[in-house]
PDB file of N, CA and C in Angstrom:
ATOM      1  N   MET A   1       0.594  -1.476  -0.097  1.00  0.00           N
ATOM      2  CA  MET A   1       0.117  -0.078   0.129  1.00  0.00           C
ATOM      3  C   MET A   1       0.950   1.185   0.037  1.00  0.00           C
ATOM      4  N   GLU A   2       0.269   2.233  -0.710  1.00  0.00           N
ATOM      5  CA  GLU A   2       1.026   3.504  -0.753  1.00  0.00           C
ATOM      6  C   GLU A   2       0.847   4.377   0.472  1.00  0.00           C
ATOM      7  N   LYS A   3       2.002   5.040   0.912  1.00  0.00           N
ATOM      8  CA  LYS A   3       2.036   5.632   2.331  1.00  0.00           C
ATOM      9  C   LYS A   3       1.818   7.171   1.737  1.00  0.00           C
ATOM     10  N   ARG A   4       0.886   7.890   2.505  1.00  0.00           N
ATOM     11  CA  ARG A   4       0.794   9.310   2.285  1.00  0.00           C
ATOM     12  C   ARG A   4       1.277  10.067   3.785  1.00  0.00           C
ATOM     13  N   THR A   5       1.231  11.123   3.584  1.00  0.00           N
ATOM     14  CA  THR A   5       1.490  12.221   4.701  1.00  0.00           C
ATOM     15  C   THR A   5       0.390  12.454   5.496  1.00  0.00           C
ATOM     16  N   TYR A   6       0.216  12.440   6.715  1.00  0.00           N
ATOM     17  CA  TYR A   6      -1.163  12.902   7.593  1.00  0.00           C
ATOM     18  C   TYR A   6      -0.352  13.686   8.795  1.00  0.00           C
ATOM     19  N   TYR A   7      -1.414  14.443   9.104  1.00  0.00           N
ATOM     20  CA  TYR A   7      -1.194  15.371  10.225  1.00  0.00           C
ATOM     21  C   TYR A   7      -2.251  15.226  11.329  1.00  0.00           C
ATOM     22  N   VAL A   8      -1.517  14.754  12.755  1.00  0.00           N
ATOM     23  CA  VAL A   8      -2.085  14.407  13.669  1.00  0.00           C
ATOM     24  C   VAL A   8      -2.278  15.196  14.735  1.00  0.00           C
ATOM     25  N   ASN A   9      -3.889  15.476  15.571  1.00  0.00           N
ATOM     26  CA  ASN A   9      -3.884  16.262  16.864  1.00  0.00           C
ATOM     27  C   ASN A   9      -4.217  15.183  17.835  1.00  0.00           C
ATOM     28  N   VAL A  10      -3.256  14.615  18.880  1.00  0.00           N
ATOM     29  CA  VAL A  10      -3.838  13.687  19.525  1.00  0.00           C
ATOM     30  C   VAL A  10      -4.756  14.001  20.649  1.00  0.00           C
ATOM     31  N   GLY A  11      -4.712  15.372  20.843  1.00  0.00           N
ATOM     32  CA  GLY A  11      -5.875  15.957  21.795  1.00  0.00           C
ATOM     33  C   GLY A  11      -7.245  15.497  21.236  1.00  0.00           C
ATOM     34  N   THR A  12      -7.379  15.953  20.016  1.00  0.00           N
ATOM     35  CA  THR A  12      -8.765  15.734  19.352  1.00  0.00           C
ATOM     36  C   THR A  12      -8.946  14.504  18.663  1.00  0.00           C
ATOM     37  N   GLY A  13      -7.784  13.798  18.609  1.00  0.00           N
ATOM     38  CA  GLY A  13      -7.919  12.385  17.969  1.00  0.00           C
ATOM     39  C   GLY A  13      -8.027  12.547  16.598  1.00  0.00           C
ATOM     40  N   GLU A  14      -7.655  13.661  16.251  1.00  0.00           N
ATOM     41  CA  GLU A  14      -7.933  13.838  14.514  1.00  0.00           C
ATOM     42  C   GLU A  14      -6.503  13.479  13.604  1.00  0.00           C
ATOM     43  N   VAL A  15      -7.000  12.937  12.345  1.00  0.00           N
ATOM     44  CA  VAL A  15      -5.885  12.618  11.560  1.00  0.00           C
ATOM     45  C   VAL A  15      -6.221  13.189  10.008  1.00  0.00           C
ATOM     46  N   LEU A  16      -5.520  13.978   9.474  1.00  0.00           N
ATOM     47  CA  LEU A  16      -5.976  14.799   8.202  1.00  0.00           C
ATOM     48  C   LEU A  16      -4.904  14.633   7.178  1.00  0.00           C
ATOM     49  N   GLU A  17      -4.925  15.006   6.053  1.00  0.00           N
ATOM     50  CA  GLU A  17      -4.169  14.837   5.012  1.00  0.00           C
ATOM     51  C   GLU A  17      -3.796  16.469   4.835  1.00  0.00           C
ATOM     52  N   ASP A  18      -4.465  17.392   5.093  1.00  0.00           N
ATOM     53  CA  ASP A  18      -4.513  18.777   4.768  1.00  0.00           C
ATOM     54  C   ASP A  18      -3.788  19.273   5.963  1.00  0.00           C
ATOM     55  N   SER A  19      -2.437  19.705   6.072  1.00  0.00           N
ATOM     56  CA  SER A  19      -1.839  20.554   7.150  1.00  0.00           C
ATOM     57  C   SER A  19      -2.422  21.717   7.571  1.00  0.00           C
ATOM     58  N   THR A  20      -3.295  22.556   6.867  1.00  0.00           N
ATOM     59  CA  THR A  20      -3.882  23.555   6.991  1.00  0.00           C
ATOM     60  C   THR A  20      -5.205  23.402   7.780  1.00  0.00           C
ATOM     61  N   ALA A  21      -5.863  22.710   7.859  1.00  0.00           N
ATOM     62  CA  ALA A  21      -7.071  22.381   8.006  1.00  0.00           C
ATOM     63  C   ALA A  21      -7.250  22.031   9.804  1.00  0.00           C
ATOM     64  N   LEU A  22      -6.144  21.813  10.316  1.00  0.00           N
ATOM     65  CA  LEU A  22      -5.924  21.456  11.622  1.00  0.00           C
ATOM     66  C   LEU A  22      -4.979  22.078  12.546  1.00  0.00           C
ATOM     67  N   ASP A  23      -4.816  22.187  13.642  1.00  0.00           N
ATOM     68  CA  ASP A  23      -3.706  22.640  14.316  1.00  0.00           C
ATOM     69  C   ASP A  23      -3.048  21.228  14.989  1.00  0.00           C
ATOM     70  N   TYR A  24      -2.405  20.952  14.228  1.00  0.00           N
ATOM     71  CA  TYR A  24      -1.498  19.150  14.345  1.00  0.00           C
ATOM     72  C   TYR A  24      -0.282  19.509  15.309  1.00  0.00           C
ATOM     73  N   GLU A  25       0.040  18.361  15.393  1.00  0.00           N
ATOM     74  CA  GLU A  25       0.964  18.164  16.536  1.00  0.00           C
ATOM     75  C   GLU A  25       2.077  17.333  15.971  1.00  0.00           C
ATOM     76  N   PHE A  26       1.732  16.193  15.159  1.00  0.00           N
ATOM     77  CA  PHE A  26       2.505  15.326  14.524  1.00  0.00           C
ATOM     78  C   PHE A  26       2.422  15.222  13.141  1.00  0.00           C
ATOM     79  N   GLU A  27       3.323  14.982  12.390  1.00  0.00           N
ATOM     80  CA  GLU A  27       3.492  14.457  10.969  1.00  0.00           C
ATOM     81  C   GLU A  27       4.087  13.058  10.897  1.00  0.00           C
ATOM     82  N   ILE A  28       2.977  12.385  10.164  1.00  0.00           N
ATOM     83  CA  ILE A  28       3.489  10.836  10.195  1.00  0.00           C
ATOM     84  C   ILE A  28       3.405  10.460   8.784  1.00  0.00           C
ATOM     85  N   SER A  29       3.770   9.424   8.175  1.00  0.00           N
ATOM     86  CA  SER A  29       3.733   9.109   6.629  1.00  0.00           C
ATOM     87  C   SER A  29       3.231   7.475   6.861  1.00  0.00           C
ATOM     88  N   ALA A  30       2.113   7.246   6.521  1.00  0.00           N
ATOM     89  CA  ALA A  30       1.131   5.895   6.843  1.00  0.00           C
ATOM     90  C   ALA A  30       0.402   5.603   5.595  1.00  0.00           C
ATOM     91  N   THR A  31       0.007   4.082   5.555  1.00  0.00           N
ATOM     92  CA  THR A  31      -0.900   3.644   4.807  1.00  0.00           C
ATOM     93  C   THR A  31      -2.468   3.790   5.219  1.00  0.00           C
ATOM     94  N   GLU A  32      -3.388   3.446   4.707  1.00  0.00           N
ATOM     95  CA  GLU A  32      -4.738   3.447   4.976  1.00  0.00           C
ATOM     96  C   GLU A  32      -4.885   2.496   6.111  1.00  0.00           C
ATOM     97  N   ASP A  33      -4.392   1.445   5.821  1.00  0.00           N
ATOM     98  CA  ASP A  33      -4.308   0.382   7.247  1.00  0.00           C
ATOM     99  C   ASP A  33      -3.724   0.970   8.339  1.00  0.00           C
ATOM    100  N   ASP A  34      -2.628   1.732   8.449  1.00  0.00           N
ATOM    101  CA  ASP A  34      -1.986   2.514   9.376  1.00  0.00           C
ATOM    102  C   ASP A  34      -2.883   3.269  10.288  1.00  0.00           C
ATOM    103  N   ILE A  35      -3.761   4.072   9.151  1.00  0.00           N
ATOM    104  CA  ILE A  35      -4.500   5.101   9.718  1.00  0.00           C
ATOM    105  C   ILE A  35      -5.788   4.406  10.436  1.00  0.00           C
ATOM    106  N   ALA A  36      -6.139   3.551   9.797  1.00  0.00           N
ATOM    107  CA  ALA A  36      -7.500   2.741  10.470  1.00  0.00           C
ATOM    108  C   ALA A  36      -6.839   2.243  11.816  1.00  0.00           C
ATOM    109  N   LYS A  37      -5.755   1.495  12.174  1.00  0.00           N
ATOM    110  CA  LYS A  37      -5.459   1.192  13.083  1.00  0.00           C
ATOM    111  C   LYS A  37      -5.297   2.230  14.186  1.00  0.00           C
ATOM    112  N   LEU A  38      -4.648   3.349  13.884  1.00  0.00           N
ATOM    113  CA  LEU A  38      -4.466   4.593  14.723  1.00  0.00           C
ATOM    114  C   LEU A  38      -5.802   5.134  14.983  1.00  0.00           C
ATOM    115  N   GLN A  39      -6.682   5.066  14.229  1.00  0.00           N
ATOM    116  CA  GLN A  39      -8.209   5.835  14.618  1.00  0.00           C
ATOM    117  C   GLN A  39      -8.698   4.638  15.666  1.00  0.00           C
ATOM    118  N   GLU A  40      -8.508   3.343  15.513  1.00  0.00           N
ATOM    119  CA  GLU A  40      -8.880   2.161  16.498  1.00  0.00           C
ATOM    120  C   GLU A  40      -8.268   2.594  17.922  1.00  0.00           C
ATOM    121  N   LEU A  41      -7.004   2.950  17.821  1.00  0.00           N
ATOM    122  CA  LEU A  41      -6.479   3.196  18.921  1.00  0.00           C
ATOM    123  C   LEU A  41      -7.154   4.560  19.909  1.00  0.00           C
ATOM    124  N   PHE A  42      -7.259   5.654  18.946  1.00  0.00           N
ATOM    125  CA  PHE A  42      -7.816   6.818  19.448  1.00  0.00           C
ATOM    126  C   PHE A  42      -9.246   6.534  19.912  1.00  0.00           C
ATOM    127  N   GLU A  43      -9.948   5.722  19.271  1.00  0.00           N
ATOM    128  CA  GLU A  43     -11.345   5.337  19.701  1.00  0.00           C
ATOM    129  C   GLU A  43     -11.262   4.512  21.219  1.00  0.00           C
ATOM    130  N   GLU A  44     -10.174   3.632  21.342  1.00  0.00           N
ATOM    131  CA  GLU A  44      -9.993   2.979  22.436  1.00  0.00           C
ATOM    132  C   GLU A  44      -9.686   3.873  23.822  1.00  0.00           C
ATOM    133  N   THR A  45      -8.779   4.878  23.472  1.00  0.00           N
ATOM    134  CA  THR A  45      -8.641   5.739  24.271  1.00  0.00           C
ATOM    135  C   THR A  45      -9.792   6.685  24.827  1.00  0.00           C
ATOM    136  N   ASP A  46     -10.228   7.033  23.986  1.00  0.00           N
ATOM    137  CA  ASP A  46     -11.608   7.934  24.320  1.00  0.00           C
ATOM    138  C   ASP A  46     -12.519   7.048  25.227  1.00  0.00           C
ATOM    139  N   ASN A  47     -12.657   5.602  24.622  1.00  0.00           N
ATOM    140  CA  ASN A  47     -13.566   4.946  25.513  1.00  0.00           C
ATOM    141  C   ASN A  47     -13.292   4.843  26.842  1.00  0.00           C
ATOM    142  N   SER A  48     -12.172   4.466  26.995  1.00  0.00           N
ATOM    143  CA  SER A  48     -11.442   4.278  28.339  1.00  0.00           C
ATOM    144  C   SER A  48     -11.222   5.327  29.167  1.00  0.00           C
ATOM    145  N   SER A  49     -11.306   6.750  28.566  1.00  0.00           N
ATOM    146  CA  SER A  49     -11.408   8.006  29.145  1.00  0.00           C
ATOM    147  C   SER A  49     -12.493   8.245  29.733  1.00  0.00           C
ATOM    148  N   GLN A  50     -13.491   7.772  29.279  1.00  0.00           N
ATOM    149  CA  GLN A  50     -14.979   8.030  29.599  1.00  0.00           C
ATOM    150  C   GLN A  50     -14.860   7.359  31.249  1.00  0.00           C
ATOM    151  N   GLY A  51     -14.545   6.340  31.564  1.00  0.00           N
ATOM    152  CA  GLY A  51     -14.404   5.503  32.588  1.00  0.00           C
ATOM    153  C   GLY A  51     -13.556   6.347  33.595  1.00  0.00           C
ATOM    154  N   SER A  52     -12.511   6.750  33.169  1.00  0.00           N
ATOM    155  CA  SER A  52     -11.260   7.261  34.077  1.00  0.00           C
ATOM    156  C   SER A  52     -11.727   8.696  34.701  1.00  0.00           C
ATOM    157  N   TYR A  53     -12.517   9.507  33.855  1.00  0.00           N
ATOM    158  CA  TYR A  53     -12.760  10.900  34.268  1.00  0.00           C
ATOM    159  C   TYR A  53     -13.502  11.203  35.690  1.00  0.00           C
ATOM    160  N   ALA A  54     -14.128  10.178  36.107  1.00  0.00           N
ATOM    161  CA  ALA A  54     -14.872  10.096  37.370  1.00  0.00           C
ATOM    162  C   ALA A  54     -14.136   9.853  38.549  1.00  0.00           C
ATOM    163  N   THR A  55     -12.836   9.287  38.294  1.00  0.00           N
ATOM    164  CA  THR A  55     -11.425   9.022  39.202  1.00  0.00           C
ATOM    165  C   THR A  55     -10.627  10.010  39.225  1.00  0.00           C
ATOM    166  N   SER A  56     -10.751  11.117  38.071  1.00  0.00           N
ATOM    167  CA  SER A  56      -9.427  11.866  37.667  1.00  0.00           C
ATOM    168  C   SER A  56      -9.156  12.931  38.916  1.00  0.00           C
ATOM    169  N   TRP A  57     -10.027  13.073  40.080  1.00  0.00           N
ATOM    170  CA  TRP A  57      -9.785  13.870  40.957  1.00  0.00           C
ATOM    171  C   TRP A  57      -9.160  13.422  42.238  1.00  0.00           C
ATOM    172  N   LEU A  58      -8.961  12.078  41.961  1.00  0.00           N
ATOM    173  CA  LEU A  58      -8.087  11.125  43.178  1.00  0.00           C
ATOM    174  C   LEU A  58      -6.799  11.327  43.060  1.00  0.00           C
ATOM    175  N   PRO A  59      -6.120  10.959  44.195  1.00  0.00           N
ATOM    176  CA  PRO A  59      -4.555  11.178  44.677  1.00  0.00           C
ATOM    177  C   PRO A  59      -4.117  10.168  43.445  1.00  0.00           C
ATOM    178  N   TRP A  60      -2.669  10.514  43.217  1.00  0.00           N
ATOM    179  CA  TRP A  60      -1.722  10.118  42.149  1.00  0.00           C
ATOM    180  C   TRP A  60      -1.784   8.486  42.425  1.00  0.00           C
ATOM    181  N   LYS A  61      -1.392   8.125  43.439  1.00  0.00           N
ATOM    182  CA  LYS A  61      -1.557   6.653  43.676  1.00  0.00           C
ATOM    183  C   LYS A  61      -2.759   5.941  43.486  1.00  0.00           C
ATOM    184  N   VAL A  62      -3.770   6.218  43.988  1.00  0.00           N
ATOM    185  CA  VAL A  62      -5.091   5.674  43.581  1.00  0.00           C
ATOM    186  C   VAL A  62      -5.393   5.781  42.242  1.00  0.00           C
ATOM    187  N   TYR A  63      -4.812   6.828  41.417  1.00  0.00           N
ATOM    188  CA  TYR A  63      -5.189   6.934  39.938  1.00  0.00           C
ATOM    189  C   TYR A  63      -4.560   5.835  39.133  1.00  0.00           C
ATOM    190  N   TYR A  64      -3.268   5.430  39.762  1.00  0.00           N
ATOM    191  CA  TYR A  64      -2.870   4.383  38.837  1.00  0.00           C
ATOM    192  C   TYR A  64      -2.888   2.882  39.393  1.00  0.00           C
ATOM    193  N   SER A  65      -3.915   2.773  40.426  1.00  0.00           N
ATOM    194  CA  SER A  65      -4.430   1.601  40.963  1.00  0.00           C
ATOM    195  C   SER A  65      -5.521   1.114  40.342  1.00  0.00           C
ATOM    196  N   ASN A  66      -6.486   2.276  39.661  1.00  0.00           N
ATOM    197  CA  ASN A  66      -7.629   2.103  39.037  1.00  0.00           C
ATOM    198  C   ASN A  66      -7.463   1.460  37.758  1.00  0.00           C
ATOM    199  N   GLU A  67      -8.164   0.125  37.524  1.00  0.00           N
ATOM    200  CA  GLU A  67      -8.027  -0.238  36.036  1.00  0.00           C
ATOM    201  C   GLU A  67      -8.232   0.558  35.081  1.00  0.00           C
ATOM    202  N   THR A  68      -9.427   1.229  35.087  1.00  0.00           N
ATOM    203  CA  THR A  68      -9.669   2.091  34.048  1.00  0.00           C
ATOM    204  C   THR A  68      -8.527   3.125  33.596  1.00  0.00           C
ATOM    205  N   ASN A  69      -8.103   3.633  34.617  1.00  0.00           N
ATOM    206  CA  ASN A  69      -7.088   4.613  34.365  1.00  0.00           C
ATOM    207  C   ASN A  69      -5.846   3.866  33.627  1.00  0.00           C
ATOM    208  N   GLN A  70      -5.555   2.937  33.940  1.00  0.00           N
ATOM    209  CA  GLN A  70      -4.249   2.148  33.649  1.00  0.00           C
ATOM    210  C   GLN A  70      -4.805   1.576  32.254  1.00  0.00           C
ATOM    211  N   GLU A  71      -5.876   1.281  31.777  1.00  0.00           N
ATOM    212  CA  GLU A  71      -6.518   0.940  30.405  1.00  0.00           C
ATOM    213  C   GLU A  71      -6.082   2.226  29.641  1.00  0.00           C
ATOM    214  N   TYR A  72      -6.617   3.323  30.010  1.00  0.00           N
ATOM    215  CA  TYR A  72      -6.475   4.773  29.248  1.00  0.00           C
ATOM    216  C   TYR A  72      -4.922   5.000  29.017  1.00  0.00           C
ATOM    217  N   ASP A  73      -4.359   4.781  30.016  1.00  0.00           N
ATOM    218  CA  ASP A  73      -2.879   5.106  29.728  1.00  0.00           C
ATOM    219  C   ASP A  73      -2.040   4.042  28.830  1.00  0.00           C
ATOM    220  N   TYR A  74      -2.590   2.909  28.706  1.00  0.00           N
ATOM    221  CA  TYR A  74      -2.253   2.037  27.765  1.00  0.00           C
ATOM    222  C   TYR A  74      -2.112   2.296  26.305  1.00  0.00           C
ATOM    223  N   TYR A  75      -3.795   2.610  26.200  1.00  0.00           N
ATOM    224  CA  TYR A  75      -3.961   2.959  24.590  1.00  0.00           C
ATOM    225  C   TYR A  75      -3.473   4.422  24.283  1.00  0.00           C
ATOM    226  N   LEU A  76      -3.085   5.210  25.352  1.00  0.00           N
ATOM    227  CA  LEU A  76      -2.437   6.560  25.004  1.00  0.00           C
ATOM    228  C   LEU A  76      -1.192   6.346  24.624  1.00  0.00           C
ATOM    229  N   THR A  77      -0.277   5.410  25.508  1.00  0.00           N
ATOM    230  CA  THR A  77       0.875   4.996  25.012  1.00  0.00           C
ATOM    231  C   THR A  77       0.975   4.460  23.734  1.00  0.00           C
ATOM    232  N   GLU A  78       0.014   3.546  23.331  1.00  0.00           N
ATOM    233  CA  GLU A  78       0.110   2.722  22.144  1.00  0.00           C
ATOM    234  C   GLU A  78      -0.293   3.975  21.154  1.00  0.00           C
ATOM    235  N   VAL A  79      -0.885   4.802  21.138  1.00  0.00           N
ATOM    236  CA  VAL A  79      -1.021   5.704  20.151  1.00  0.00           C
ATOM    237  C   VAL A  79       0.307   6.475  19.959  1.00  0.00           C
ATOM    238  N   TYR A  80       0.968   6.780  21.074  1.00  0.00           N
ATOM    239  CA  TYR A  80       2.373   7.553  20.835  1.00  0.00           C
ATOM    240  C   TYR A  80       3.312   6.525  20.188  1.00  0.00           C
ATOM    241  N   ARG A  81       3.485   5.193  20.310  1.00  0.00           N
ATOM    242  CA  ARG A  81       4.244   4.336  19.554  1.00  0.00           C
ATOM    243  C   ARG A  81       4.092   4.236  18.358  1.00  0.00           C
ATOM    244  N   THR A  82       2.695   4.347  18.193  1.00  0.00           N
ATOM    245  CA  THR A  82       2.409   4.219  16.619  1.00  0.00           C
ATOM    246  C   THR A  82       2.855   5.575  15.904  1.00  0.00           C
ATOM    247  N   LEU A  83       2.655   6.557  16.478  1.00  0.00           N
ATOM    248  CA  LEU A  83       2.925   8.008  15.802  1.00  0.00           C
ATOM    249  C   LEU A  83       4.573   7.955  15.625  1.00  0.00           C
ATOM    250  N   HIS A  84       5.267   7.258  16.719  1.00  0.00           N
ATOM    251  CA  HIS A  84       6.771   7.553  16.673  1.00  0.00           C
ATOM    252  C   HIS A  84       7.157   6.468  15.679  1.00  0.00           C
ATOM    253  N   ARG A  85       6.507   5.139  15.325  1.00  0.00           N
ATOM    254  CA  ARG A  85       6.662   4.492  14.148  1.00  0.00           C
ATOM    255  C   ARG A  85       6.710   5.125  12.965  1.00  0.00           C
ATOM    256  N   LEU A  86       5.550   5.812  12.788  1.00  0.00           N
ATOM    257  CA  LEU A  86       5.202   6.406  11.222  1.00  0.00           C
ATOM    258  C   LEU A  86       5.683   7.528  11.214  1.00  0.00           C
ATOM    259  N   GLY A  87       6.248   8.253  12.390  1.00  0.00           N
ATOM    260  CA  GLY A  87       6.500   9.634  12.262  1.00  0.00           C
ATOM    261  C   GLY A  87       7.665  10.115  11.465  1.00  0.00           C
ATOM    262  N   SER A  88       7.559  11.311  11.236  1.00  0.00           N
ATOM    263  CA  SER A  88       8.681  12.090  10.561  1.00  0.00           C
ATOM    264  C   SER A  88       9.836  12.155  11.710  1.00  0.00           C
ATOM    265  N   GLU A  89      11.113  12.495  11.142  1.00  0.00           N
ATOM    266  CA  GLU A  89      12.175  12.646  11.987  1.00  0.00           C
ATOM    267  C   GLU A  89      11.951  13.618  13.310  1.00  0.00           C
ATOM    268  N   GLN A  90      11.125  14.807  12.885  1.00  0.00           N
ATOM    269  CA  GLN A  90      10.772  15.545  13.861  1.00  0.00           C
ATOM    270  C   GLN A  90       9.822  15.394  14.843  1.00  0.00           C
ATOM    271  N   THR A  91       8.507  14.406  14.313  1.00  0.00           N
ATOM    272  CA  THR A  91       7.928  13.813  15.183  1.00  0.00           C
ATOM    273  C   THR A  91       8.445  12.788  16.162  1.00  0.00           C
ATOM    274  N   LYS A  92       9.333  11.925  15.772  1.00  0.00           N
ATOM    275  CA  LYS A  92      10.124  10.902  16.478  1.00  0.00           C
ATOM    276  C   LYS A  92      10.807  11.712  17.590  1.00  0.00           C
ATOM    277  N   ARG A  93      11.581  12.554  17.209  1.00  0.00           N
ATOM    278  CA  ARG A  93      12.372  13.342  18.324  1.00  0.00           C
ATOM    279  C   ARG A  93      11.521  14.005  19.372  1.00  0.00           C
ATOM    280  N   HIS A  94      10.377  14.601  18.915  1.00  0.00           N
ATOM    281  CA  HIS A  94       9.532  15.277  19.681  1.00  0.00           C
ATOM    282  C   HIS A  94       8.897  14.223  20.789  1.00  0.00           C
ATOM    283  N   ILE A  95       8.578  13.170  20.374  1.00  0.00           N
ATOM    284  CA  ILE A  95       7.608  12.278  21.092  1.00  0.00           C
ATOM    285  C   ILE A  95       8.898  11.462  22.034  1.00  0.00           C
ATOM    286  N   GLU A  96      10.058  11.461  21.509  1.00  0.00           N
ATOM    287  CA  GLU A  96      11.350  10.925  22.440  1.00  0.00           C
ATOM    288  C   GLU A  96      11.539  11.769  23.653  1.00  0.00           C
ATOM    289  N   THR A  97      11.406  12.923  23.303  1.00  0.00           N
ATOM    290  CA  THR A  97      11.517  14.427  24.413  1.00  0.00           C
ATOM    291  C   THR A  97      10.485  14.009  25.408  1.00  0.00           C
ATOM    292  N   MET A  98       9.164  13.535  25.041  1.00  0.00           N
ATOM    293  CA  MET A  98       7.984  13.531  26.026  1.00  0.00           C
ATOM    294  C   MET A  98       8.248  12.211  27.053  1.00  0.00           C
ATOM    295  N   ASN A  99       9.069  11.315  26.890  1.00  0.00           N
ATOM    296  CA  ASN A  99       9.327  10.344  27.738  1.00  0.00           C
ATOM    297  C   ASN A  99       8.065   9.417  27.831  1.00  0.00           C
ATOM    298  N   VAL A 100       7.393   9.198  26.867  1.00  0.00           N
ATOM    299  CA  VAL A 100       6.184   8.386  27.169  1.00  0.00           C
ATOM    300  C   VAL A 100       6.362   7.109  26.649  1.00  0.00           C
ATOM    301  N   LEU A 101       7.183   6.683  25.933  1.00  0.00           N
ATOM    302  CA  LEU A 101       7.467   5.379  25.408  1.00  0.00           C
ATOM    303  C   LEU A 101       8.103   4.460  26.425  1.00  0.00           C
ATOM    304  N   GLU A 102       9.259   4.749  27.237  1.00  0.00           N
ATOM    305  CA  GLU A 102       9.991   4.213  28.128  1.00  0.00           C
ATOM    306  C   GLU A 102       9.068   3.703  29.104  1.00  0.00           C
ATOM    307  N   ASN A 103       8.537   4.591  29.832  1.00  0.00           N
ATOM    308  CA  ASN A 103       7.670   4.340  31.131  1.00  0.00           C
ATOM    309  C   ASN A 103       6.313   4.158  31.144  1.00  0.00           C
ATOM    310  N   GLY A 104       5.775   4.240  29.847  1.00  0.00           N
ATOM    311  CA  GLY A 104       4.457   4.808  29.714  1.00  0.00           C
ATOM    312  C   GLY A 104       3.886   6.198  29.922  1.00  0.00           C
ATOM    313  N   ILE A 105       2.723   6.698  29.991  1.00  0.00           N
ATOM    314  CA  ILE A 105       2.246   7.787  30.332  1.00  0.00           C
ATOM    315  C   ILE A 105       2.529   8.479  31.736  1.00  0.00           C
TER     316      ILE A 105
END
């Protein structure tokens, strides 16, 4: 499959081909299958965030012992792993500076 350039905003879960249509954070080169998998990860992140919102006010230690929060963190880390794998050199460097891949979010 042919790879195309896409622009991604993690906060909104948007992936577009037009860099001017969105305030994007990351540039990636991906196939349609890659984009479909990324969209699935965004959906899973969104679904798991619904359950974690109710406990977001809890102290840090309790946050990480909550299974819903762990699920959200897992999917968000997978989003960043995927973006790193597909990303431009600038995208890869930026994600590496975030330190989200080694230890999770």
